[in-house]
Amino acid sequence: MTPDQQKIVDFITEKNKTKFYFKDFLDIFPEKGPREVKKILTSMVQCEVMEFWSSGSTTMYGLKGAGKQSQAEGEG
């Protein structure tokens, strides 16, 4: 895991939430542009550290297997 990916995992585990908007992660990396942050998140989804969650109109990110949604779908 890269230092940037670890920053994201640490951020998520510090919060009492399981789903996050893309903009939440932009605050972690004020020195990086949105495209760079998106690349980090996408690589984490591809490595199955994180997963997408969609309500139909909004896409959110969370750690894989965390939260009520994954349990409801039989993944947790």
PDB file of N, CA and C in Angstrom:
ATOM      1  N   MET A   1       0.855  -1.187   0.000  1.00  0.00           N
ATOM      2  CA  MET A   1       0.000   0.000   0.000  1.00  0.00           C
ATOM      3  C   MET A   1       0.894   1.242   0.000  1.00  0.00           C
ATOM      4  N   THR A   2       0.549   2.176  -0.852  1.00  0.00           N
ATOM      5  CA  THR A   2       1.341   3.412  -0.943  1.00  0.00           C
ATOM      6  C   THR A   2       1.019   4.320   0.242  1.00  0.00           C
ATOM      7  N   PRO A   3       1.883   5.288   0.529  1.00  0.00           N
ATOM      8  CA  PRO A   3       1.592   6.236   1.617  1.00  0.00           C
ATOM      9  C   PRO A   3       0.270   6.996   1.393  1.00  0.00           C
ATOM     10  N   ASP A   4      -0.037   7.341   0.139  1.00  0.00           N
ATOM     11  CA  ASP A   4      -1.291   8.039  -0.150  1.00  0.00           C
ATOM     12  C   ASP A   4      -2.494   7.139   0.149  1.00  0.00           C
ATOM     13  N   GLN A   5      -2.385   5.872  -0.230  1.00  0.00           N
ATOM     14  CA  GLN A   5      -3.472   4.930   0.058  1.00  0.00           C
ATOM     15  C   GLN A   5      -3.641   4.748   1.565  1.00  0.00           C
ATOM     16  N   GLN A   6      -2.534   4.702   2.287  1.00  0.00           N
ATOM     17  CA  GLN A   6      -2.600   4.557   3.740  1.00  0.00           C
ATOM     18  C   GLN A   6      -3.271   5.768   4.374  1.00  0.00           C
ATOM     19  N   LYS A   7      -3.008   6.958   3.837  1.00  0.00           N
ATOM     20  CA  LYS A   7      -3.660   8.170   4.337  1.00  0.00           C
ATOM     21  C   LYS A   7      -5.185   8.045   4.227  1.00  0.00           C
ATOM     22  N   ILE A   8      -5.639   7.502   3.111  1.00  0.00           N
ATOM     23  CA  ILE A   8      -7.077   7.329   2.891  1.00  0.00           C
ATOM     24  C   ILE A   8      -7.656   6.328   3.880  1.00  0.00           C
ATOM     25  N   VAL A   9      -6.985   5.201   4.067  1.00  0.00           N
ATOM     26  CA  VAL A   9      -7.460   4.187   5.015  1.00  0.00           C
ATOM     27  C   VAL A   9      -7.503   4.765   6.428  1.00  0.00           C
ATOM     28  N   ASP A  10      -6.467   5.501   6.811  1.00  0.00           N
ATOM     29  CA  ASP A  10      -6.439   6.127   8.137  1.00  0.00           C
ATOM     30  C   ASP A  10      -7.587   7.116   8.299  1.00  0.00           C
ATOM     31  N   PHE A  11      -7.841   7.919   7.271  1.00  0.00           N
ATOM     32  CA  PHE A  11      -8.933   8.889   7.295  1.00  0.00           C
ATOM     33  C   PHE A  11     -10.273   8.187   7.504  1.00  0.00           C
ATOM     34  N   ILE A  12     -10.497   7.107   6.773  1.00  0.00           N
ATOM     35  CA  ILE A  12     -11.767   6.381   6.873  1.00  0.00           C
ATOM     36  C   ILE A  12     -11.931   5.752   8.251  1.00  0.00           C
ATOM     37  N   THR A  13     -10.873   5.152   8.763  1.00  0.00           N
ATOM     38  CA  THR A  13     -10.987   4.467  10.052  1.00  0.00           C
ATOM     39  C   THR A  13     -11.145   5.451  11.216  1.00  0.00           C
ATOM     40  N   GLU A  14     -10.681   6.692  11.051  1.00  0.00           N
ATOM     41  CA  GLU A  14     -10.856   7.711  12.090  1.00  0.00           C
ATOM     42  C   GLU A  14     -12.305   8.189  12.186  1.00  0.00           C
ATOM     43  N   LYS A  15     -13.014   8.139  11.085  1.00  0.00           N
ATOM     44  CA  LYS A  15     -14.393   8.644  11.032  1.00  0.00           C
ATOM     45  C   LYS A  15     -15.368   7.563  11.482  1.00  0.00           C
ATOM     46  N   ASN A  16     -16.529   7.985  11.918  1.00  0.00           N
ATOM     47  CA  ASN A  16     -17.564   7.037  12.333  1.00  0.00           C
ATOM     48  C   ASN A  16     -18.577   6.875  11.204  1.00  0.00           C
ATOM     49  N   LYS A  17     -18.059   6.733   9.986  1.00  0.00           N
ATOM     50  CA  LYS A  17     -18.897   6.570   8.797  1.00  0.00           C
ATOM     51  C   LYS A  17     -18.306   5.464   7.942  1.00  0.00           C
ATOM     52  N   THR A  18     -19.132   4.924   7.056  1.00  0.00           N
ATOM     53  CA  THR A  18     -18.631   3.877   6.168  1.00  0.00           C
ATOM     54  C   THR A  18     -18.626   4.306   4.708  1.00  0.00           C
ATOM     55  N   LYS A  19     -19.350   5.359   4.363  1.00  0.00           N
ATOM     56  CA  LYS A  19     -19.429   5.813   2.972  1.00  0.00           C
ATOM     57  C   LYS A  19     -18.995   7.281   2.893  1.00  0.00           C
ATOM     58  N   PHE A  20     -18.239   7.585   1.851  1.00  0.00           N
ATOM     59  CA  PHE A  20     -17.699   8.931   1.694  1.00  0.00           C
ATOM     60  C   PHE A  20     -17.868   9.411   0.262  1.00  0.00           C
ATOM     61  N   TYR A  21     -18.133  10.710   0.119  1.00  0.00           N
ATOM     62  CA  TYR A  21     -18.175  11.340  -1.197  1.00  0.00           C
ATOM     63  C   TYR A  21     -16.751  11.573  -1.686  1.00  0.00           C
ATOM     64  N   PHE A  22     -16.599  11.676  -2.987  1.00  0.00           N
ATOM     65  CA  PHE A  22     -15.292  11.959  -3.576  1.00  0.00           C
ATOM     66  C   PHE A  22     -14.691  13.230  -2.985  1.00  0.00           C
ATOM     67  N   LYS A  23     -15.501  14.255  -2.814  1.00  0.00           N
ATOM     68  CA  LYS A  23     -15.002  15.541  -2.305  1.00  0.00           C
ATOM     69  C   LYS A  23     -14.417  15.425  -0.901  1.00  0.00           C
ATOM     70  N   ASP A  24     -14.866  14.430  -0.121  1.00  0.00           N
ATOM     71  CA  ASP A  24     -14.308  14.222   1.222  1.00  0.00           C
ATOM     72  C   ASP A  24     -12.818  13.900   1.156  1.00  0.00           C
ATOM     73  N   PHE A  25     -12.410  13.202   0.107  1.00  0.00           N
ATOM     74  CA  PHE A  25     -11.017  12.797  -0.023  1.00  0.00           C
ATOM     75  C   PHE A  25     -10.131  13.922  -0.550  1.00  0.00           C
ATOM     76  N   LEU A  26     -10.725  14.903  -1.197  1.00  0.00           N
ATOM     77  CA  LEU A  26      -9.937  16.029  -1.704  1.00  0.00           C
ATOM     78  C   LEU A  26      -9.297  16.814  -0.558  1.00  0.00           C
ATOM     79  N   ASP A  27      -9.970  16.862   0.590  1.00  0.00           N
ATOM     80  CA  ASP A  27      -9.446  17.585   1.750  1.00  0.00           C
ATOM     81  C   ASP A  27      -8.185  16.936   2.322  1.00  0.00           C
ATOM     82  N   ILE A  28      -8.017  15.633   2.106  1.00  0.00           N
ATOM     83  CA  ILE A  28      -6.841  14.924   2.616  1.00  0.00           C
ATOM     84  C   ILE A  28      -5.590  15.337   1.845  1.00  0.00           C
ATOM     85  N   PHE A  29      -5.774  15.654   0.574  1.00  0.00           N
ATOM     86  CA  PHE A  29      -4.651  15.960  -0.313  1.00  0.00           C
ATOM     87  C   PHE A  29      -4.786  17.351  -0.927  1.00  0.00           C
ATOM     88  N   PRO A  30      -4.642  18.402  -0.130  1.00  0.00           N
ATOM     89  CA  PRO A  30      -4.810  19.754  -0.691  1.00  0.00           C
ATOM     90  C   PRO A  30      -3.773  20.083  -1.759  1.00  0.00           C
ATOM     91  N   GLU A  31      -2.652  19.362  -1.770  1.00  0.00           N
ATOM     92  CA  GLU A  31      -1.600  19.625  -2.752  1.00  0.00           C
ATOM     93  C   GLU A  31      -1.830  18.898  -4.075  1.00  0.00           C
ATOM     94  N   LYS A  32      -2.807  18.000  -4.118  1.00  0.00           N
ATOM     95  CA  LYS A  32      -3.080  17.227  -5.331  1.00  0.00           C
ATOM     96  C   LYS A  32      -4.374  17.701  -5.985  1.00  0.00           C
ATOM     97  N   GLY A  33      -4.434  17.553  -7.270  1.00  0.00           N
ATOM     98  CA  GLY A  33      -5.645  17.903  -7.999  1.00  0.00           C
ATOM     99  C   GLY A  33      -6.654  16.760  -7.940  1.00  0.00           C
ATOM    100  N   PRO A  34      -7.904  17.028  -8.312  1.00  0.00           N
ATOM    101  CA  PRO A  34      -8.946  15.998  -8.300  1.00  0.00           C
ATOM    102  C   PRO A  34      -8.599  14.765  -9.137  1.00  0.00           C
ATOM    103  N   ARG A  35      -7.948  14.964 -10.258  1.00  0.00           N
ATOM    104  CA  ARG A  35      -7.591  13.826 -11.117  1.00  0.00           C
ATOM    105  C   ARG A  35      -6.616  12.875 -10.408  1.00  0.00           C
ATOM    106  N   GLU A  36      -5.638  13.445  -9.687  1.00  0.00           N
ATOM    107  CA  GLU A  36      -4.667  12.615  -8.963  1.00  0.00           C
ATOM    108  C   GLU A  36      -5.353  11.824  -7.844  1.00  0.00           C
ATOM    109  N   VAL A  37      -6.261  12.476  -7.122  1.00  0.00           N
ATOM    110  CA  VAL A  37      -6.974  11.812  -6.036  1.00  0.00           C
ATOM    111  C   VAL A  37      -7.860  10.698  -6.597  1.00  0.00           C
ATOM    112  N   LYS A  38      -8.508  10.967  -7.717  1.00  0.00           N
ATOM    113  CA  LYS A  38      -9.360   9.960  -8.365  1.00  0.00           C
ATOM    114  C   LYS A  38      -8.538   8.733  -8.758  1.00  0.00           C
ATOM    115  N   LYS A  39      -7.309   8.949  -9.241  1.00  0.00           N
ATOM    116  CA  LYS A  39      -6.439   7.831  -9.611  1.00  0.00           C
ATOM    117  C   LYS A  39      -6.096   6.971  -8.399  1.00  0.00           C
ATOM    118  N   ILE A  40      -5.842   7.605  -7.263  1.00  0.00           N
ATOM    119  CA  ILE A  40      -5.529   6.859  -6.033  1.00  0.00           C
ATOM    120  C   ILE A  40      -6.734   6.015  -5.627  1.00  0.00           C
ATOM    121  N   LEU A  41      -7.919   6.628  -5.618  1.00  0.00           N
ATOM    122  CA  LEU A  41      -9.132   5.906  -5.226  1.00  0.00           C
ATOM    123  C   LEU A  41      -9.434   4.762  -6.194  1.00  0.00           C
ATOM    124  N   THR A  42      -9.267   5.009  -7.482  1.00  0.00           N
ATOM    125  CA  THR A  42      -9.527   3.970  -8.479  1.00  0.00           C
ATOM    126  C   THR A  42      -8.575   2.793  -8.302  1.00  0.00           C
ATOM    127  N   SER A  43      -7.323   3.075  -8.016  1.00  0.00           N
ATOM    128  CA  SER A  43      -6.368   1.976  -7.802  1.00  0.00           C
ATOM    129  C   SER A  43      -6.743   1.164  -6.564  1.00  0.00           C
ATOM    130  N   MET A  44      -7.290   1.826  -5.556  1.00  0.00           N
ATOM    131  CA  MET A  44      -7.711   1.113  -4.340  1.00  0.00           C
ATOM    132  C   MET A  44      -8.944   0.250  -4.603  1.00  0.00           C
ATOM    133  N   VAL A  45      -9.830   0.703  -5.466  1.00  0.00           N
ATOM    134  CA  VAL A  45     -10.998  -0.099  -5.853  1.00  0.00           C
ATOM    135  C   VAL A  45     -10.527  -1.310  -6.671  1.00  0.00           C
ATOM    136  N   GLN A  46      -9.600  -1.101  -7.574  1.00  0.00           N
ATOM    137  CA  GLN A  46      -9.075  -2.196  -8.401  1.00  0.00           C
ATOM    138  C   GLN A  46      -8.355  -3.248  -7.559  1.00  0.00           C
ATOM    139  N   CYS A  47      -7.697  -2.823  -6.488  1.00  0.00           N
ATOM    140  CA  CYS A  47      -6.999  -3.750  -5.578  1.00  0.00           C
ATOM    141  C   CYS A  47      -7.951  -4.339  -4.536  1.00  0.00           C
ATOM    142  N   GLU A  48      -9.212  -3.950  -4.599  1.00  0.00           N
ATOM    143  CA  GLU A  48     -10.267  -4.420  -3.699  1.00  0.00           C
ATOM    144  C   GLU A  48     -10.047  -4.038  -2.244  1.00  0.00           C
ATOM    145  N   VAL A  49      -9.376  -2.902  -2.032  1.00  0.00           N
ATOM    146  CA  VAL A  49      -9.262  -2.330  -0.691  1.00  0.00           C
ATOM    147  C   VAL A  49     -10.518  -1.508  -0.413  1.00  0.00           C
ATOM    148  N   MET A  50     -10.994  -0.847  -1.461  1.00  0.00           N
ATOM    149  CA  MET A  50     -12.197  -0.031  -1.359  1.00  0.00           C
ATOM    150  C   MET A  50     -13.208  -0.509  -2.392  1.00  0.00           C
ATOM    151  N   GLU A  51     -14.447   0.006  -2.250  1.00  0.00           N
ATOM    152  CA  GLU A  51     -15.482  -0.328  -3.217  1.00  0.00           C
ATOM    153  C   GLU A  51     -16.355   0.889  -3.473  1.00  0.00           C
ATOM    154  N   PHE A  52     -16.993   0.880  -4.622  1.00  0.00           N
ATOM    155  CA  PHE A  52     -17.968   1.913  -4.957  1.00  0.00           C
ATOM    156  C   PHE A  52     -19.308   1.534  -4.346  1.00  0.00           C
ATOM    157  N   TRP A  53     -20.080   2.547  -4.006  1.00  0.00           N
ATOM    158  CA  TRP A  53     -21.468   2.339  -3.611  1.00  0.00           C
ATOM    159  C   TRP A  53     -22.275   3.410  -4.317  1.00  0.00           C
ATOM    160  N   SER A  54     -23.350   3.013  -4.958  1.00  0.00           N
ATOM    161  CA  SER A  54     -24.151   3.970  -5.717  1.00  0.00           C
ATOM    162  C   SER A  54     -25.589   3.937  -5.252  1.00  0.00           C
ATOM    163  N   SER A  55     -26.150   5.119  -5.076  1.00  0.00           N
ATOM    164  CA  SER A  55     -27.562   5.240  -4.722  1.00  0.00           C
ATOM    165  C   SER A  55     -28.400   5.399  -5.981  1.00  0.00           C
ATOM    166  N   GLY A  56     -27.759   5.430  -7.116  1.00  0.00           N
ATOM    167  CA  GLY A  56     -28.433   5.668  -8.380  1.00  0.00           C
ATOM    168  C   GLY A  56     -28.110   7.048  -8.911  1.00  0.00           C
ATOM    169  N   SER A  57     -28.016   8.010  -8.018  1.00  0.00           N
ATOM    170  CA  SER A  57     -27.685   9.366  -8.451  1.00  0.00           C
ATOM    171  C   SER A  57     -26.326   9.814  -7.933  1.00  0.00           C
ATOM    172  N   THR A  58     -25.819   9.149  -6.916  1.00  0.00           N
ATOM    173  CA  THR A  58     -24.558   9.531  -6.293  1.00  0.00           C
ATOM    174  C   THR A  58     -23.678   8.304  -6.113  1.00  0.00           C
ATOM    175  N   THR A  59     -22.408   8.460  -6.394  1.00  0.00           N
ATOM    176  CA  THR A  59     -21.456   7.385  -6.143  1.00  0.00           C
ATOM    177  C   THR A  59     -20.610   7.757  -4.940  1.00  0.00           C
ATOM    178  N   MET A  60     -20.466   6.811  -4.045  1.00  0.00           N
ATOM    179  CA  MET A  60     -19.669   7.024  -2.836  1.00  0.00           C
ATOM    180  C   MET A  60     -18.613   5.924  -2.758  1.00  0.00           C
ATOM    181  N   TYR A  61     -17.656   6.120  -1.867  1.00  0.00           N
ATOM    182  CA  TYR A  61     -16.573   5.169  -1.662  1.00  0.00           C
ATOM    183  C   TYR A  61     -16.594   4.682  -0.224  1.00  0.00           C
ATOM    184  N   GLY A  62     -16.157   3.454  -0.023  1.00  0.00           N
ATOM    185  CA  GLY A  62     -16.013   2.914   1.318  1.00  0.00           C
ATOM    186  C   GLY A  62     -15.031   1.761   1.305  1.00  0.00           C
ATOM    187  N   LEU A  63     -14.570   1.371   2.501  1.00  0.00           N
ATOM    188  CA  LEU A  63     -13.699   0.212   2.590  1.00  0.00           C
ATOM    189  C   LEU A  63     -14.488  -1.033   2.234  1.00  0.00           C
ATOM    190  N   LYS A  64     -13.887  -1.935   1.526  1.00  0.00           N
ATOM    191  CA  LYS A  64     -14.574  -3.145   1.075  1.00  0.00           C
ATOM    192  C   LYS A  64     -15.064  -3.952   2.273  1.00  0.00           C
ATOM    193  N   GLY A  65     -16.343  -4.325   2.231  1.00  0.00           N
ATOM    194  CA  GLY A  65     -16.930  -5.143   3.283  1.00  0.00           C
ATOM    195  C   GLY A  65     -17.406  -4.376   4.503  1.00  0.00           C
ATOM    196  N   ALA A  66     -17.258  -3.064   4.515  1.00  0.00           N
ATOM    197  CA  ALA A  66     -17.691  -2.273   5.671  1.00  0.00           C
ATOM    198  C   ALA A  66     -19.066  -1.678   5.415  1.00  0.00           C
ATOM    199  N   GLY A  67     -19.864  -1.588   6.453  1.00  0.00           N
ATOM    200  CA  GLY A  67     -21.152  -0.917   6.340  1.00  0.00           C
ATOM    201  C   GLY A  67     -22.319  -1.857   6.169  1.00  0.00           C
ATOM    202  N   LYS A  68     -23.493  -1.314   6.364  1.00  0.00           N
ATOM    203  CA  LYS A  68     -24.724  -2.093   6.310  1.00  0.00           C
ATOM    204  C   LYS A  68     -25.050  -2.577   4.911  1.00  0.00           C
ATOM    205  N   GLN A  69     -24.713  -1.792   3.895  1.00  0.00           N
ATOM    206  CA  GLN A  69     -25.052  -2.159   2.524  1.00  0.00           C
ATOM    207  C   GLN A  69     -24.427  -3.483   2.130  1.00  0.00           C
ATOM    208  N   SER A  70     -23.155  -3.701   2.453  1.00  0.00           N
ATOM    209  CA  SER A  70     -22.490  -4.946   2.076  1.00  0.00           C
ATOM    210  C   SER A  70     -23.096  -6.137   2.817  1.00  0.00           C
ATOM    211  N   GLN A  71     -23.498  -5.943   4.055  1.00  0.00           N
ATOM    212  CA  GLN A  71     -24.113  -7.019   4.822  1.00  0.00           C
ATOM    213  C   GLN A  71     -25.491  -7.370   4.247  1.00  0.00           C
ATOM    214  N   ALA A  72     -26.230  -6.360   3.836  1.00  0.00           N
ATOM    215  CA  ALA A  72     -27.549  -6.582   3.277  1.00  0.00           C
ATOM    216  C   ALA A  72     -27.482  -7.343   1.956  1.00  0.00           C
ATOM    217  N   GLU A  73     -26.384  -7.169   1.240  1.00  0.00           N
ATOM    218  CA  GLU A  73     -26.206  -7.842  -0.037  1.00  0.00           C
ATOM    219  C   GLU A  73     -25.506  -9.194   0.107  1.00  0.00           C
ATOM    220  N   GLY A  74     -25.290  -9.630   1.358  1.00  0.00           N
ATOM    221  CA  GLY A  74     -24.668 -10.918   1.593  1.00  0.00           C
ATOM    222  C   GLY A  74     -23.177 -10.942   1.395  1.00  0.00           C
ATOM    223  N   GLU A  75     -22.543  -9.778   1.364  1.00  0.00           N
ATOM    224  CA  GLU A  75     -21.096  -9.728   1.164  1.00  0.00           C
ATOM    225  C   GLU A  75     -20.338  -9.722   2.476  1.00  0.00           C
ATOM    226  N   GLY A  76     -20.991  -9.290   3.552  1.00  0.00           N
ATOM    227  CA  GLY A  76     -20.261  -9.095   4.807  1.00  0.00           C
ATOM    228  C   GLY A  76     -20.366 -10.233   5.751  1.00  0.00           C
TER     229      GLY A  76
END
